[in-house]
Protein backbone atom coordinates (compact mmCIF):
# COMPACT_ATOMS: atom_id res chain seq x y z
CA MET A 1 -5.76 -6.53 -10.49
CA ASN A 2 -7.44 -4.63 -13.38
CA ASN A 3 -10.88 -5.96 -12.38
CA LEU A 4 -10.49 -4.93 -8.76
CA LYS A 5 -13.64 -3.22 -7.48
CA ILE A 6 -13.10 -0.88 -4.56
CA PRO A 7 -16.40 -0.18 -2.79
CA HIS A 8 -17.29 3.26 -1.48
CA ASN A 9 -15.64 3.93 1.89
CA ALA A 10 -13.29 0.95 1.50
CA LEU A 11 -9.88 1.29 3.11
CA VAL A 12 -6.86 0.56 0.90
CA PHE A 13 -3.56 -0.24 2.61
CA VAL A 14 -0.30 0.03 0.66
CA GLY A 15 2.90 -0.70 2.51
CA ASP A 16 6.25 -2.31 2.97
CA GLY A 17 8.62 -2.49 5.94
CA ARG A 18 9.36 1.24 5.97
CA LYS A 19 6.27 3.06 4.77
CA ALA A 20 2.53 2.54 5.06
CA LEU A 21 -0.27 4.45 3.31
CA PHE A 22 -3.94 4.29 4.20
CA LEU A 23 -6.28 5.43 1.44
CA ARG A 24 -10.07 5.64 1.58
CA ASN A 25 -12.29 5.43 -1.49
CA ALA A 26 -14.44 8.57 -1.37
CA GLY A 27 -15.86 7.61 -4.78
CA ASP A 28 -17.63 4.44 -5.79
CA GLU A 29 -16.73 1.15 -7.48
CA LYS A 30 -17.07 2.59 -10.97
CA PHE A 31 -15.23 5.85 -10.30
CA PRO A 32 -12.85 5.39 -7.35
CA ASN A 33 -11.52 8.53 -5.68
CA LEU A 34 -8.75 7.50 -3.29
CA LYS A 35 -8.05 10.01 -0.53
CA THR A 36 -5.02 9.76 1.73
CA GLU A 37 -6.13 9.12 5.30
CA LYS A 38 -2.83 8.41 7.05
CA VAL A 39 0.86 7.96 6.21
CA PHE A 40 3.47 6.21 8.35
CA GLU A 41 7.19 6.35 7.62
CA ASP A 42 9.77 4.56 9.72
CA GLU A 43 13.37 5.62 10.19
CA ASN A 44 15.17 2.39 10.93
CA PRO A 45 18.95 2.46 10.45
CA PRO A 46 20.97 -0.77 10.47
CA THR A 47 21.63 -2.41 13.83
CA HIS A 48 25.31 -1.38 13.88
CA GLU A 49 24.19 2.27 13.81
CA GLN A 50 21.71 1.74 16.65
CA GLY A 51 23.71 -0.43 19.05
CA SER A 52 25.96 0.89 21.76
CA GLU A 53 28.62 -1.70 22.57
CA ARG A 54 29.85 -5.11 21.58
CA PRO A 55 27.88 -8.01 23.07
CA GLY A 56 29.14 -9.31 26.38
CA ARG A 57 30.44 -12.70 27.40
CA VAL A 58 29.16 -15.17 29.96
CA SER A 59 31.47 -17.22 32.21
CA LYS A 60 30.31 -20.69 33.13
CA ALA A 61 31.22 -22.62 36.25
CA SER A 62 33.30 -24.95 34.07
CA GLY A 63 35.58 -22.05 33.18
CA HIS A 64 34.33 -21.76 29.62
CA ARG A 65 33.25 -18.39 28.27
CA SER A 66 30.49 -17.90 25.72
CA ALA A 67 29.55 -14.89 23.66
CA VAL A 68 26.10 -13.40 24.13
CA GLU A 69 23.97 -12.98 21.02
CA PRO A 70 23.89 -9.30 20.02
CA THR A 71 20.56 -7.47 20.03
CA ASP A 72 19.14 -6.92 16.54
CA TRP A 73 17.77 -3.38 16.99
CA HIS A 74 16.76 -3.18 13.32
CA ASP A 75 14.58 -6.28 13.64
CA ILE A 76 13.03 -5.00 16.87
CA GLU A 77 12.13 -1.70 15.20
CA GLU A 78 10.57 -3.50 12.20
CA HIS A 79 8.28 -5.43 14.58
CA ARG A 80 7.41 -2.26 16.51
CA PHE A 81 6.52 -0.47 13.26
CA ALA A 82 4.34 -3.40 12.13
CA ARG A 83 2.45 -3.37 15.46
CA LYS A 84 1.96 0.41 15.24
CA VAL A 85 0.59 0.19 11.68
CA ALA A 86 -1.67 -2.78 12.54
CA ALA A 87 -3.15 -0.91 15.51
CA ALA A 88 -3.79 2.15 13.34
CA MET A 89 -5.41 -0.04 10.68
CA GLU A 90 -7.75 -1.61 13.21
CA GLN A 91 -8.69 1.79 14.61
CA MET A 92 -9.37 3.25 11.14
CA VAL A 93 -11.47 0.28 9.99
CA ARG A 94 -13.64 0.66 13.09
CA ALA A 95 -13.82 4.48 12.97
CA ILE A 96 -14.90 4.79 9.33
CA ARG A 97 -16.83 1.51 9.38
CA ALA A 98 -15.02 0.42 6.27
CA LYS A 99 -16.99 -1.87 3.99
CA ALA A 100 -13.81 -3.53 2.79
CA LEU A 101 -10.09 -3.64 3.48
CA ILE A 102 -7.82 -4.00 0.47
CA ILE A 103 -4.16 -4.71 1.08
CA VAL A 104 -1.57 -3.98 -1.59
CA ARG A 105 2.01 -4.91 -0.84
CA SER A 106 4.54 -2.63 -2.47
CA THR A 107 7.87 -4.05 -3.61
């Protein structure tokens, strides 16, 4: 990673499941100057804090009852956040005509 060259006007994405940063290199490869373009933060509490009631049950003709799988609201929100960030990334790459897209995954 020490030899990473970031071209002028390249877009740098740093993110995880809860936060995403878009930085643009206003400098050049030799002297990068990363400017914050956009920041996304997601508030996504655990499913048990988002759900409303216990999952229901289904009665079958045979008289047996089965539990219905509960909705994982946390997982749904993670996917929604990822789609939102991906759409913003595509829009930014096109708008600034980025020469490169560098993705850094934070841990």
